[in-house]
Structures are given as structure tokens and as C-alpha cells.
Amino acid sequence: MVCVALLSNPRSTGNVAMLPRIRKFCAQRADIFHYEVEDVSQIGDALQTIARVDPQILVINGGDGTVQATLTELHHGKHFADTPPPVAVLPNGKTNLIALDLGAEGDPIEALKRIMELARSDLTDHIVSRELIALTGGNANGRPVLGMFLGGAGLADSILYCRHKIYPLGLPNGFSHVITAIAVVFSALFRIKARFLPPQTRPISVTLIHQGEIQGKFALLMVTTLERLLLNSQTNLGSTTSGPLKLMMVEQKPLALLRALWASLFGRLEGSQLSGVHLSHSNEIRIEGDRSNVILDGELFEARAEHPIVLTPTLPVPFLSLAA
């Protein structure tokens, strides 16, 4: 009997070194069904095959982009009808935001062992529900793309800066993120333009449906349905409004950025009213701007003139939390 189905993307950065260990671990166990794809375009076929073995848990072994592609296909493909198995994510990528939110940290093999233990027990206490972010519009063609963390404005530029300027240096992921954060703060505080610093952000407009519009330049724009981010930051953003999409925007002003950074580091962001920092929850968010970038779980999208990006939540999806 198959307890766990493991979907691996060999092209994920972490799998370059990790996949041989994963393969060996799975080969020694008859209750794991391991399916490897050569490209994310094959995930639909993979899930169709996995559905036939009817696993108790679906485990994704790849970066946030692989997780996003799998969640999108799960939602649209309906391979498990209306009862998909809970999804677990191995900590195997550059940022691992989704895995971190689900309590999967450290060695992927150890996380997989823990998942196997849970698969043989009552999963009730370890199942958590998360809505997904459905992105339409912009340069996204066809069906909505689904994910759990979106970075925009200066945050999107910072993610691209880290990906193209810092990661190639071969430094540890955590150190790379610290260097990126320092560069972002330095650039925002002193308004210095240089090839080795993140670029200056462009003006964007963000509309919270039924709540109004906010325009301006933002050092950071974040929309998420996750509960936990890097550095153990929580995303219980203080707001009197309702909706599963959690929004935080920080204006491109030195003091606003420092206030947000200080409050976040010391866990004081929830319930705070900080000048230049906008916190809210919503059921629909529109992002407009002239070639304004956003990144949804590692994939780049662009809001274009008369083609805004629209974000809406999905129905809750079951996930397996190792932290519960």
C-alpha cells in the first residue's frame, strides 16, 4: 500500500546534491511512490499517474516554483476530484517559504522520515488549511496561476537582485538573504543608484476592492496566505478588515522602511499603526503600473498598462504541517 507519493523536480537547485539520497531512501521503501519530472510542464501527467495510486499524502520535492506549479495543476486539473490528499513540502530550495510555513526545516531526508511516520498515524492534528493566491491578468496568459507568497514593488526587484547578483556568488542561502536585505535598506535610505545595488522602484497603484486605492512608490509590497516567513516572522497582520489575502506595503521612505523593519524584527507589526506602512486583509487586490514586476512563488509576472494583475483567494487546501 502506498502511503506517500513523492513528486521530485531534479532541476530544482537543492536536488542537484540531494536527489541521489532521495532516490536511495525511496528505493528501500515499498510504501513510497516516487515520480520525477524532467520539466514543470510534466507535472500534470505526474499528478494524473499519482492519483491512480491514491496516496495518503502528496509530498513535493523542489523549490517554491515547483510547489507553485504543482498547486496550480492540482487546482485546475482536478486529478483527485474534490478530495486531494494533504500536501507536504520538503525543505529543498533557495528560500523555502512554503516549507518553512509548514514546519519543514533542515535535512529533507529527515523531513521525509517524519512525513512517513505521520502517514502511518492519525493525521488529524497535523492537517492545516491554507487558501491559495490566484493570479490573473498582467502578462499571465490563460488560466490563473496559484501560489502562496507574492512580492511586488521594491520587494520584487530585491528578489530578482538576490537571484541574479547574490546567489551566483555561491554563498549560503541565509547569508545571501542578509546581504540582500542590507543592500535594499542601504539603497532605500541613501537613494544611491549603482549597478551593485537593487534598482529604484517604479510607482504602482494597489486597489483593495471595496476598500479604496493606494498609489505611490513602495519599497515593499507583500501579499501572502502563509502564517510564517523567513526569520520566523509571523504574518498575522493587524487589521480591522477581513479577507484571507494579507497585504503589507511600505512606502519608499527611509523612516517608513526603518519603522517596518524594527516592528517586524521585534514582533510588533501586528496591530501597529505606523506612518508609511499599510497593513490590510482583502478578498481581492488589483496591482496596476507601467511594467511593474511581481513575483509569485519564484515566477515573475508584470502588470502592464490597461492589464492589471488581479489577486483573489481560492477555497482552503489541506496541507500537512510538521510543526503541529
C-alpha atoms as a PDB file:
ATOM      1  CA  MET A   1       0.000   0.000   0.000  1.00  0.00           C
ATOM      2  CA  VAL A   2       1.325   3.444  -0.968  1.00  0.00           C
ATOM      3  CA  CYS A   3       1.266   5.857   1.973  1.00  0.00           C
ATOM      4  CA  VAL A   4       3.193   8.699   0.370  1.00  0.00           C
ATOM      5  CA  ALA A   5       3.611   9.918  -3.186  1.00  0.00           C
ATOM      6  CA  LEU A   6       6.747  11.985  -3.738  1.00  0.00           C
ATOM      7  CA  LEU A   7       6.933  14.345  -6.709  1.00  0.00           C
ATOM      8  CA  SER A   8      10.507  15.465  -7.444  1.00  0.00           C
ATOM      9  CA  ASN A   9      11.894  18.087  -9.788  1.00  0.00           C
ATOM     10  CA  PRO A  10      15.548  17.146 -10.494  1.00  0.00           C
ATOM     11  CA  ARG A  11      16.194  20.666 -11.852  1.00  0.00           C
ATOM     12  CA  SER A  12      15.462  22.299  -8.527  1.00  0.00           C
ATOM     13  CA  THR A  13      18.648  23.817  -7.087  1.00  0.00           C
ATOM     14  CA  GLY A  14      18.621  21.733  -3.930  1.00  0.00           C
ATOM     15  CA  ASN A  15      18.128  18.487  -5.820  1.00  0.00           C
ATOM     16  CA  VAL A  16      21.449  18.732  -7.616  1.00  0.00           C
ATOM     17  CA  ALA A  17      23.120  17.346  -4.486  1.00  0.00           C
ATOM     18  CA  MET A  18      20.122  15.877  -2.663  1.00  0.00           C
ATOM     19  CA  LEU A  19      18.325  13.755  -5.261  1.00  0.00           C
ATOM     20  CA  PRO A  20      20.661  10.708  -5.099  1.00  0.00           C
ATOM     21  CA  ARG A  21      19.937  10.425  -1.359  1.00  0.00           C
ATOM     22  CA  ILE A  22      16.216  10.843  -2.009  1.00  0.00           C
ATOM     23  CA  ARG A  23      16.276   8.093  -4.641  1.00  0.00           C
ATOM     24  CA  LYS A  24      18.135   5.719  -2.341  1.00  0.00           C
ATOM     25  CA  PHE A  25      15.707   6.392   0.511  1.00  0.00           C
ATOM     26  CA  CYS A  26      12.669   5.731  -1.701  1.00  0.00           C
ATOM     27  CA  ALA A  27      14.168   2.585  -3.280  1.00  0.00           C
ATOM     28  CA  GLN A  28      14.346   0.969   0.165  1.00  0.00           C
ATOM     29  CA  ARG A  29      10.640   1.523   0.904  1.00  0.00           C
ATOM     30  CA  ALA A  30       7.687  -0.055  -0.862  1.00  0.00           C
ATOM     31  CA  ASP A  31       5.197   2.430   0.625  1.00  0.00           C
ATOM     32  CA  ILE A  32       6.632   5.443  -1.257  1.00  0.00           C
ATOM     33  CA  PHE A  33       5.711   6.133  -4.871  1.00  0.00           C
ATOM     34  CA  HIS A  34       8.437   8.372  -6.319  1.00  0.00           C
ATOM     35  CA  TYR A  35       7.755  10.261  -9.563  1.00  0.00           C
ATOM     36  CA  GLU A  36      10.379  12.511 -11.163  1.00  0.00           C
ATOM     37  CA  VAL A  37       9.610  15.116 -13.808  1.00  0.00           C
ATOM     38  CA  GLU A  38      12.131  16.491 -16.268  1.00  0.00           C
ATOM     39  CA  ASP A  39      10.247  19.788 -16.562  1.00  0.00           C
ATOM     40  CA  VAL A  40       7.402  21.506 -14.717  1.00  0.00           C
ATOM     41  CA  SER A  41       5.265  21.106 -17.857  1.00  0.00           C
ATOM     42  CA  GLN A  42       5.078  17.382 -16.999  1.00  0.00           C
ATOM     43  CA  ILE A  43       3.529  17.928 -13.569  1.00  0.00           C
ATOM     44  CA  GLY A  44       0.008  17.440 -14.917  1.00  0.00           C
ATOM     45  CA  ASP A  45       0.873  13.965 -16.242  1.00  0.00           C
ATOM     46  CA  ALA A  46       2.673  13.210 -12.982  1.00  0.00           C
ATOM     47  CA  LEU A  47      -0.373  14.051 -10.868  1.00  0.00           C
ATOM     48  CA  GLN A  48      -2.626  12.027 -13.136  1.00  0.00           C
ATOM     49  CA  THR A  49      -0.424   8.979 -12.514  1.00  0.00           C
ATOM     50  CA  ILE A  50      -0.059   9.687  -8.791  1.00  0.00           C
ATOM     51  CA  ALA A  51      -3.852   9.895  -8.410  1.00  0.00           C
ATOM     52  CA  ARG A  52      -4.114   6.264  -9.511  1.00  0.00           C
ATOM     53  CA  VAL A  53      -2.096   5.028  -6.515  1.00  0.00           C
ATOM     54  CA  ASP A  54      -4.320   7.075  -4.153  1.00  0.00           C
ATOM     55  CA  PRO A  55      -1.660   8.226  -1.630  1.00  0.00           C
ATOM     56  CA  GLN A  56      -2.473   9.472   1.847  1.00  0.00           C
ATOM     57  CA  ILE A  57      -0.012  12.358   1.459  1.00  0.00           C
ATOM     58  CA  LEU A  58       1.412  14.140  -1.593  1.00  0.00           C
ATOM     59  CA  VAL A  59       4.974  15.366  -0.970  1.00  0.00           C
ATOM     60  CA  ILE A  60       6.602  17.959  -3.228  1.00  0.00           C
ATOM     61  CA  ASN A  61      10.380  17.874  -3.549  1.00  0.00           C
ATOM     62  CA  GLY A  62      11.506  21.075  -5.236  1.00  0.00           C
ATOM     63  CA  GLY A  63      11.719  24.834  -4.845  1.00  0.00           C
ATOM     64  CA  ASP A  64       8.851  27.277  -4.419  1.00  0.00           C
ATOM     65  CA  GLY A  65       8.395  27.404  -8.210  1.00  0.00           C
ATOM     66  CA  THR A  66       7.840  23.635  -8.315  1.00  0.00           C
ATOM     67  CA  VAL A  67       5.364  23.899  -5.451  1.00  0.00           C
ATOM     68  CA  GLN A  68       3.519  26.684  -7.265  1.00  0.00           C
ATOM     69  CA  ALA A  69       3.279  24.680 -10.492  1.00  0.00           C
ATOM     70  CA  THR A  70       2.014  21.631  -8.583  1.00  0.00           C
ATOM     71  CA  LEU A  71      -0.604  23.605  -6.648  1.00  0.00           C
ATOM     72  CA  THR A  72      -1.791  25.237  -9.873  1.00  0.00           C
ATOM     73  CA  GLU A  73      -2.179  21.857 -11.568  1.00  0.00           C
ATOM     74  CA  LEU A  74      -3.879  20.340  -8.505  1.00  0.00           C
ATOM     75  CA  HIS A  75      -6.428  23.145  -8.543  1.00  0.00           C
ATOM     76  CA  HIS A  76      -7.172  23.167 -12.262  1.00  0.00           C
ATOM     77  CA  GLY A  77      -6.556  19.518 -13.171  1.00  0.00           C
ATOM     78  CA  LYS A  78      -8.926  18.029 -10.569  1.00  0.00           C
ATOM     79  CA  HIS A  79      -6.898  14.804 -10.686  1.00  0.00           C
ATOM     80  CA  PHE A  80      -8.138  13.879  -7.198  1.00  0.00           C
ATOM     81  CA  ALA A  81     -11.662  15.197  -7.844  1.00  0.00           C
ATOM     82  CA  ASP A  82     -12.706  17.279  -4.824  1.00  0.00           C
ATOM     83  CA  THR A  83     -10.674  15.366  -2.216  1.00  0.00           C
ATOM     84  CA  PRO A  84      -6.954  15.919  -2.838  1.00  0.00           C
ATOM     85  CA  PRO A  85      -4.545  14.437  -0.288  1.00  0.00           C
ATOM     86  CA  PRO A  86      -2.849  16.838   2.119  1.00  0.00           C
ATOM     87  CA  VAL A  87       0.251  18.397   0.589  1.00  0.00           C
ATOM     88  CA  ALA A  88       3.633  18.320   2.324  1.00  0.00           C
ATOM     89  CA  VAL A  89       6.713  20.208   1.122  1.00  0.00           C
ATOM     90  CA  LEU A  90      10.335  19.186   1.645  1.00  0.00           C
ATOM     91  CA  PRO A  91      12.795  21.960   2.610  1.00  0.00           C
ATOM     92  CA  ASN A  92      14.608  21.947  -0.710  1.00  0.00           C
ATOM     93  CA  GLY A  93      15.051  25.314  -2.418  1.00  0.00           C
ATOM     94  CA  LYS A  94      16.605  28.749  -2.120  1.00  0.00           C
ATOM     95  CA  THR A  95      14.019  30.410   0.113  1.00  0.00           C
ATOM     96  CA  ASN A  96      11.742  27.501   1.170  1.00  0.00           C
ATOM     97  CA  LEU A  97       8.972  29.877   2.298  1.00  0.00           C
ATOM     98  CA  ILE A  98       6.180  27.345   1.888  1.00  0.00           C
ATOM     99  CA  ALA A  99       8.166  24.534   3.524  1.00  0.00           C
ATOM    100  CA  LEU A 100       9.075  26.895   6.382  1.00  0.00           C
ATOM    101  CA  ASP A 101       5.439  27.798   6.924  1.00  0.00           C
ATOM    102  CA  LEU A 102       4.613  24.091   7.222  1.00  0.00           C
ATOM    103  CA  GLY A 103       7.368  23.426   9.762  1.00  0.00           C
ATOM    104  CA  ALA A 104       9.699  21.586   7.369  1.00  0.00           C
ATOM    105  CA  GLU A 105      13.280  22.683   8.044  1.00  0.00           C
ATOM    106  CA  GLY A 106      16.753  21.173   7.934  1.00  0.00           C
ATOM    107  CA  ASP A 107      17.615  17.933   6.147  1.00  0.00           C
ATOM    108  CA  PRO A 108      14.983  16.923   3.530  1.00  0.00           C
ATOM    109  CA  ILE A 109      15.568  13.230   4.322  1.00  0.00           C
ATOM    110  CA  GLU A 110      14.743  13.797   7.984  1.00  0.00           C
ATOM    111  CA  ALA A 111      11.611  15.709   6.971  1.00  0.00           C
ATOM    112  CA  LEU A 112      10.619  12.819   4.688  1.00  0.00           C
ATOM    113  CA  LYS A 113      11.118  10.333   7.525  1.00  0.00           C
ATOM    114  CA  ARG A 114       8.860  12.443   9.721  1.00  0.00           C
ATOM    115  CA  ILE A 115       6.212  12.528   6.990  1.00  0.00           C
ATOM    116  CA  MET A 116       6.373   8.729   6.703  1.00  0.00           C
ATOM    117  CA  GLU A 117       5.778   8.416  10.455  1.00  0.00           C
ATOM    118  CA  LEU A 118       2.757  10.694  10.274  1.00  0.00           C
ATOM    119  CA  ALA A 119       1.361   8.799   7.285  1.00  0.00           C
ATOM    120  CA  ARG A 120       1.009   5.710   9.489  1.00  0.00           C
ATOM    121  CA  SER A 121      -0.858   7.590  12.227  1.00  0.00           C
ATOM    122  CA  ASP A 122      -3.899   9.803  12.638  1.00  0.00           C
ATOM    123  CA  LEU A 123      -3.188  12.905  10.542  1.00  0.00           C
ATOM    124  CA  THR A 124      -5.992  14.998  12.011  1.00  0.00           C
ATOM    125  CA  ASP A 125      -3.821  17.123  14.318  1.00  0.00           C
ATOM    126  CA  HIS A 126      -1.315  17.795  11.537  1.00  0.00           C
ATOM    127  CA  ILE A 127      -3.690  18.948   8.807  1.00  0.00           C
ATOM    128  CA  VAL A 128      -3.831  22.710   8.295  1.00  0.00           C
ATOM    129  CA  SER A 129      -5.840  24.655   5.745  1.00  0.00           C
ATOM    130  CA  ARG A 130      -4.405  27.418   3.618  1.00  0.00           C
ATOM    131  CA  GLU A 131      -6.084  29.470   0.926  1.00  0.00           C
ATOM    132  CA  LEU A 132      -4.020  29.984  -2.224  1.00  0.00           C
ATOM    133  CA  ILE A 133      -3.495  33.216  -4.136  1.00  0.00           C
ATOM    134  CA  ALA A 134      -4.957  33.055  -7.655  1.00  0.00           C
ATOM    135  CA  LEU A 135      -3.184  35.493 -10.003  1.00  0.00           C
ATOM    136  CA  THR A 136      -4.766  36.634 -13.267  1.00  0.00           C
ATOM    137  CA  GLY A 137      -4.063  39.480 -15.674  1.00  0.00           C
ATOM    138  CA  GLY A 138      -0.786  41.205 -16.437  1.00  0.00           C
ATOM    139  CA  ASN A 139       1.330  39.038 -18.701  1.00  0.00           C
ATOM    140  CA  ALA A 140      -0.129  35.816 -17.230  1.00  0.00           C
ATOM    141  CA  ASN A 141      -1.714  34.025 -20.142  1.00  0.00           C
ATOM    142  CA  GLY A 142      -4.578  31.568 -19.841  1.00  0.00           C
ATOM    143  CA  ARG A 143      -5.712  30.042 -16.566  1.00  0.00           C
ATOM    144  CA  PRO A 144      -4.964  31.635 -13.171  1.00  0.00           C
ATOM    145  CA  VAL A 145      -1.617  30.833 -11.576  1.00  0.00           C
ATOM    146  CA  LEU A 146      -1.718  29.787  -7.934  1.00  0.00           C
ATOM    147  CA  GLY A 147       0.763  30.379  -5.137  1.00  0.00           C
ATOM    148  CA  MET A 148       1.097  31.460  -1.514  1.00  0.00           C
ATOM    149  CA  PHE A 149       3.544  34.386  -1.457  1.00  0.00           C
ATOM    150  CA  LEU A 150       3.717  37.403  -3.773  1.00  0.00           C
ATOM    151  CA  GLY A 151       6.355  40.098  -3.630  1.00  0.00           C
ATOM    152  CA  GLY A 152       5.962  43.331  -5.548  1.00  0.00           C
ATOM    153  CA  ALA A 153       7.367  46.841  -5.937  1.00  0.00           C
ATOM    154  CA  GLY A 154      10.849  47.038  -4.403  1.00  0.00           C
ATOM    155  CA  LEU A 155      10.479  43.559  -2.904  1.00  0.00           C
ATOM    156  CA  ALA A 156      10.187  42.004  -6.362  1.00  0.00           C
ATOM    157  CA  ASP A 157      13.238  43.956  -7.508  1.00  0.00           C
ATOM    158  CA  SER A 158      15.090  42.774  -4.402  1.00  0.00           C
ATOM    159  CA  ILE A 159      14.210  39.131  -5.088  1.00  0.00           C
ATOM    160  CA  LEU A 160      15.487  39.486  -8.651  1.00  0.00           C
ATOM    161  CA  TYR A 161      18.610  41.261  -7.369  1.00  0.00           C
ATOM    162  CA  CYS A 162      19.292  38.394  -4.952  1.00  0.00           C
ATOM    163  CA  ARG A 163      18.652  35.806  -7.678  1.00  0.00           C
ATOM    164  CA  HIS A 164      20.872  37.407 -10.330  1.00  0.00           C
ATOM    165  CA  LYS A 165      23.544  39.216  -8.296  1.00  0.00           C
ATOM    166  CA  ILE A 166      23.951  37.432  -4.961  1.00  0.00           C
ATOM    167  CA  TYR A 167      23.103  33.745  -5.488  1.00  0.00           C
ATOM    168  CA  PRO A 168      25.751  33.388  -8.265  1.00  0.00           C
ATOM    169  CA  LEU A 169      28.404  34.223  -5.640  1.00  0.00           C
ATOM    170  CA  GLY A 170      27.833  30.749  -4.187  1.00  0.00           C
ATOM    171  CA  LEU A 171      27.230  31.952  -0.624  1.00  0.00           C
ATOM    172  CA  PRO A 172      24.958  30.111   1.831  1.00  0.00           C
ATOM    173  CA  ASN A 173      21.289  30.965   1.341  1.00  0.00           C
ATOM    174  CA  GLY A 174      20.882  32.618   4.732  1.00  0.00           C
ATOM    175  CA  PHE A 175      23.956  34.799   4.219  1.00  0.00           C
ATOM    176  CA  SER A 176      22.723  35.733   0.729  1.00  0.00           C
ATOM    177  CA  HIS A 177      19.406  36.888   2.175  1.00  0.00           C
ATOM    178  CA  VAL A 178      21.159  39.006   4.826  1.00  0.00           C
ATOM    179  CA  ILE A 179      23.361  40.680   2.198  1.00  0.00           C
ATOM    180  CA  THR A 180      20.305  41.376   0.053  1.00  0.00           C
ATOM    181  CA  ALA A 181      18.437  42.923   2.992  1.00  0.00           C
ATOM    182  CA  ILE A 182      21.406  45.175   3.811  1.00  0.00           C
ATOM    183  CA  ALA A 183      21.675  46.269   0.163  1.00  0.00           C
ATOM    184  CA  VAL A 184      17.939  47.011  -0.013  1.00  0.00           C
ATOM    185  CA  VAL A 185      17.965  49.089   3.179  1.00  0.00           C
ATOM    186  CA  PHE A 186      21.149  50.929   2.130  1.00  0.00           C
ATOM    187  CA  SER A 187      19.700  51.748  -1.293  1.00  0.00           C
ATOM    188  CA  ALA A 188      16.391  52.927   0.162  1.00  0.00           C
ATOM    189  CA  LEU A 189      17.927  55.025   2.938  1.00  0.00           C
ATOM    190  CA  PHE A 190      20.558  56.833   0.876  1.00  0.00           C
ATOM    191  CA  ARG A 191      18.819  56.781  -2.542  1.00  0.00           C
ATOM    192  CA  ILE A 192      22.056  55.680  -4.202  1.00  0.00           C
ATOM    193  CA  LYS A 193      21.966  54.242  -7.719  1.00  0.00           C
ATOM    194  CA  ALA A 194      24.652  51.721  -8.588  1.00  0.00           C
ATOM    195  CA  ARG A 195      24.939  48.505 -10.597  1.00  0.00           C
ATOM    196  CA  PHE A 196      25.764  46.531  -7.445  1.00  0.00           C
ATOM    197  CA  LEU A 197      22.605  47.772  -5.627  1.00  0.00           C
ATOM    198  CA  PRO A 198      18.914  46.966  -6.199  1.00  0.00           C
ATOM    199  CA  PRO A 199      17.199  49.311  -8.703  1.00  0.00           C
ATOM    200  CA  GLN A 200      14.904  52.136  -7.683  1.00  0.00           C
ATOM    201  CA  THR A 201      11.229  51.121  -7.694  1.00  0.00           C
ATOM    202  CA  ARG A 202       8.587  52.432 -10.090  1.00  0.00           C
ATOM    203  CA  PRO A 203       5.253  53.934  -8.984  1.00  0.00           C
ATOM    204  CA  ILE A 204       2.402  51.432  -8.704  1.00  0.00           C
ATOM    205  CA  SER A 205      -1.246  51.561  -7.776  1.00  0.00           C
ATOM    206  CA  VAL A 206      -2.835  48.986  -5.478  1.00  0.00           C
ATOM    207  CA  THR A 207      -6.613  48.728  -5.145  1.00  0.00           C
ATOM    208  CA  LEU A 208      -8.312  46.807  -2.359  1.00  0.00           C
ATOM    209  CA  ILE A 209     -11.751  46.028  -3.742  1.00  0.00           C
ATOM    210  CA  HIS A 210     -14.476  47.750  -1.680  1.00  0.00           C
ATOM    211  CA  GLN A 211     -11.774  49.429   0.425  1.00  0.00           C
ATOM    212  CA  GLY A 212     -10.163  52.024  -1.837  1.00  0.00           C
ATOM    213  CA  GLU A 213      -6.977  52.687  -3.780  1.00  0.00           C
ATOM    214  CA  ILE A 214      -3.408  53.338  -2.663  1.00  0.00           C
ATOM    215  CA  GLN A 215      -0.905  54.864  -5.100  1.00  0.00           C
ATOM    216  CA  GLY A 216       2.779  55.633  -4.768  1.00  0.00           C
ATOM    217  CA  LYS A 217       6.287  54.231  -4.643  1.00  0.00           C
ATOM    218  CA  PHE A 218       6.760  51.328  -2.274  1.00  0.00           C
ATOM    219  CA  ALA A 219       9.962  49.787  -1.003  1.00  0.00           C
ATOM    220  CA  LEU A 220       7.992  46.643  -0.228  1.00  0.00           C
ATOM    221  CA  LEU A 221       4.716  45.079  -1.297  1.00  0.00           C
ATOM    222  CA  MET A 222       3.786  41.667   0.053  1.00  0.00           C
ATOM    223  CA  VAL A 223       0.647  39.576  -0.354  1.00  0.00           C
ATOM    224  CA  THR A 224       0.516  36.167   1.290  1.00  0.00           C
ATOM    225  CA  THR A 225      -1.688  33.461   2.781  1.00  0.00           C
ATOM    226  CA  LEU A 226       1.229  31.982   4.737  1.00  0.00           C
ATOM    227  CA  GLU A 227       1.434  32.210   8.514  1.00  0.00           C
ATOM    228  CA  ARG A 228       5.210  32.269   8.819  1.00  0.00           C
ATOM    229  CA  LEU A 229       8.071  33.737   6.781  1.00  0.00           C
ATOM    230  CA  LEU A 230      11.866  33.993   6.951  1.00  0.00           C
ATOM    231  CA  LEU A 231      13.486  34.723  10.328  1.00  0.00           C
ATOM    232  CA  ASN A 232      10.388  33.228  11.994  1.00  0.00           C
ATOM    233  CA  SER A 233       8.363  36.389  11.204  1.00  0.00           C
ATOM    234  CA  GLN A 234       4.644  35.972  11.630  1.00  0.00           C
ATOM    235  CA  THR A 235       2.108  37.316   9.122  1.00  0.00           C
ATOM    236  CA  ASN A 236      -0.835  37.955  11.440  1.00  0.00           C
ATOM    237  CA  LEU A 237      -1.022  41.491  10.113  1.00  0.00           C
ATOM    238  CA  GLY A 238      -3.078  43.764  12.291  1.00  0.00           C
ATOM    239  CA  SER A 239      -6.183  44.974  10.500  1.00  0.00           C
ATOM    240  CA  THR A 240      -9.842  45.592  11.120  1.00  0.00           C
ATOM    241  CA  THR A 241     -10.700  44.411   7.593  1.00  0.00           C
ATOM    242  CA  SER A 242     -11.396  40.829   6.657  1.00  0.00           C
ATOM    243  CA  GLY A 243     -10.197  38.522   3.904  1.00  0.00           C
ATOM    244  CA  PRO A 244      -7.619  35.758   3.538  1.00  0.00           C
ATOM    245  CA  LEU A 245      -5.175  37.825   1.437  1.00  0.00           C
ATOM    246  CA  LYS A 246      -2.729  39.506   3.828  1.00  0.00           C
ATOM    247  CA  LEU A 247      -1.246  42.693   2.418  1.00  0.00           C
ATOM    248  CA  MET A 248       1.679  44.760   3.636  1.00  0.00           C
ATOM    249  CA  MET A 249       3.064  47.785   1.793  1.00  0.00           C
ATOM    250  CA  VAL A 250       5.884  50.028   2.942  1.00  0.00           C
ATOM    251  CA  GLU A 251       6.328  53.381   1.247  1.00  0.00           C
ATOM    252  CA  GLN A 252       9.700  54.166  -0.261  1.00  0.00           C
ATOM    253  CA  LYS A 253      10.659  56.494   2.564  1.00  0.00           C
ATOM    254  CA  PRO A 254      13.657  55.843   4.818  1.00  0.00           C
ATOM    255  CA  LEU A 255      11.754  56.285   8.091  1.00  0.00           C
ATOM    256  CA  ALA A 256       8.844  54.108   6.936  1.00  0.00           C
ATOM    257  CA  LEU A 257      11.232  51.317   5.990  1.00  0.00           C
ATOM    258  CA  LEU A 258      13.053  51.543   9.316  1.00  0.00           C
ATOM    259  CA  ARG A 259       9.767  51.525  11.267  1.00  0.00           C
ATOM    260  CA  ALA A 260       8.543  48.427   9.426  1.00  0.00           C
ATOM    261  CA  LEU A 261      11.879  46.638   9.815  1.00  0.00           C
ATOM    262  CA  TRP A 262      12.081  47.414  13.532  1.00  0.00           C
ATOM    263  CA  ALA A 263       8.480  46.370  14.219  1.00  0.00           C
ATOM    264  CA  SER A 264       8.893  43.153  12.234  1.00  0.00           C
ATOM    265  CA  LEU A 265      12.138  42.130  13.948  1.00  0.00           C
ATOM    266  CA  PHE A 266      10.628  42.579  17.407  1.00  0.00           C
ATOM    267  CA  GLY A 267       7.215  41.107  16.617  1.00  0.00           C
ATOM    268  CA  ARG A 268       5.384  44.428  16.976  1.00  0.00           C
ATOM    269  CA  LEU A 269       3.938  44.654  13.484  1.00  0.00           C
ATOM    270  CA  GLU A 270       0.576  43.133  14.416  1.00  0.00           C
ATOM    271  CA  GLY A 271      -1.865  45.840  15.459  1.00  0.00           C
ATOM    272  CA  SER A 272       0.646  48.632  14.792  1.00  0.00           C
ATOM    273  CA  GLN A 273      -0.276  51.898  13.100  1.00  0.00           C
ATOM    274  CA  LEU A 274       2.962  53.075  11.544  1.00  0.00           C
ATOM    275  CA  SER A 275       3.265  56.068   9.258  1.00  0.00           C
ATOM    276  CA  GLY A 276       4.099  54.914   5.732  1.00  0.00           C
ATOM    277  CA  VAL A 277       3.225  51.267   6.480  1.00  0.00           C
ATOM    278  CA  HIS A 278      -0.063  49.904   5.138  1.00  0.00           C
ATOM    279  CA  LEU A 279      -1.458  46.661   6.571  1.00  0.00           C
ATOM    280  CA  SER A 280      -4.688  45.087   5.484  1.00  0.00           C
ATOM    281  CA  HIS A 281      -6.623  41.919   4.640  1.00  0.00           C
ATOM    282  CA  SER A 282      -8.698  41.643   1.487  1.00  0.00           C
ATOM    283  CA  ASN A 283     -10.693  39.316  -0.757  1.00  0.00           C
ATOM    284  CA  GLU A 284      -9.440  40.933  -3.972  1.00  0.00           C
ATOM    285  CA  ILE A 285      -6.396  43.058  -4.779  1.00  0.00           C
ATOM    286  CA  ARG A 286      -5.578  44.818  -8.056  1.00  0.00           C
ATOM    287  CA  ILE A 287      -2.000  45.863  -8.858  1.00  0.00           C
ATOM    288  CA  GLU A 288      -1.507  48.404 -11.633  1.00  0.00           C
ATOM    289  CA  GLY A 289       1.556  50.128 -13.009  1.00  0.00           C
ATOM    290  CA  ASP A 290       3.744  50.634 -16.038  1.00  0.00           C
ATOM    291  CA  ARG A 291       5.733  47.394 -16.327  1.00  0.00           C
ATOM    292  CA  SER A 292       5.615  46.757 -12.575  1.00  0.00           C
ATOM    293  CA  ASN A 293       7.082  43.403 -11.582  1.00  0.00           C
ATOM    294  CA  VAL A 294       5.625  40.978  -9.073  1.00  0.00           C
ATOM    295  CA  ILE A 295       6.952  37.537  -8.164  1.00  0.00           C
ATOM    296  CA  LEU A 296       4.574  34.770  -7.136  1.00  0.00           C
ATOM    297  CA  ASP A 297       6.490  31.891  -5.512  1.00  0.00           C
ATOM    298  CA  GLY A 298       9.525  32.409  -7.726  1.00  0.00           C
ATOM    299  CA  GLU A 299       7.754  33.132 -11.030  1.00  0.00           C
ATOM    300  CA  LEU A 300       7.904  36.647 -12.497  1.00  0.00           C
ATOM    301  CA  PHE A 301       4.786  38.474 -13.702  1.00  0.00           C
ATOM    302  CA  GLU A 302       4.380  42.017 -14.950  1.00  0.00           C
ATOM    303  CA  ALA A 303       1.489  44.452 -14.631  1.00  0.00           C
ATOM    304  CA  ARG A 304       1.121  46.342 -17.892  1.00  0.00           C
ATOM    305  CA  ALA A 305      -0.841  49.398 -18.963  1.00  0.00           C
ATOM    306  CA  GLU A 306      -4.557  48.523 -19.013  1.00  0.00           C
ATOM    307  CA  HIS A 307      -3.680  44.961 -17.931  1.00  0.00           C
ATOM    308  CA  PRO A 308      -3.600  44.989 -14.121  1.00  0.00           C
ATOM    309  CA  ILE A 309      -2.724  41.958 -12.038  1.00  0.00           C
ATOM    310  CA  VAL A 310      -5.691  40.708 -10.032  1.00  0.00           C
ATOM    311  CA  LEU A 311      -5.295  38.572  -6.907  1.00  0.00           C
ATOM    312  CA  THR A 312      -8.127  36.533  -5.380  1.00  0.00           C
ATOM    313  CA  PRO A 313      -8.159  33.664  -2.857  1.00  0.00           C
ATOM    314  CA  THR A 314      -9.120  30.061  -3.565  1.00  0.00           C
ATOM    315  CA  LEU A 315     -11.036  27.724  -1.302  1.00  0.00           C
ATOM    316  CA  PRO A 316      -8.897  26.257   1.514  1.00  0.00           C
ATOM    317  CA  VAL A 317      -6.465  23.485   0.543  1.00  0.00           C
ATOM    318  CA  PRO A 318      -5.271  20.808   3.028  1.00  0.00           C
ATOM    319  CA  PHE A 319      -1.551  20.794   3.895  1.00  0.00           C
ATOM    320  CA  LEU A 320       0.497  18.614   6.212  1.00  0.00           C
ATOM    321  CA  SER A 321       2.223  20.599   8.943  1.00  0.00           C
ATOM    322  CA  LEU A 322       5.262  19.044  10.632  1.00  0.00           C
ATOM    323  CA  ALA A 323       5.100  21.708  13.332  1.00  0.00           C
ATOM    324  CA  ALA A 324       1.601  20.911  14.575  1.00  0.00           C
END
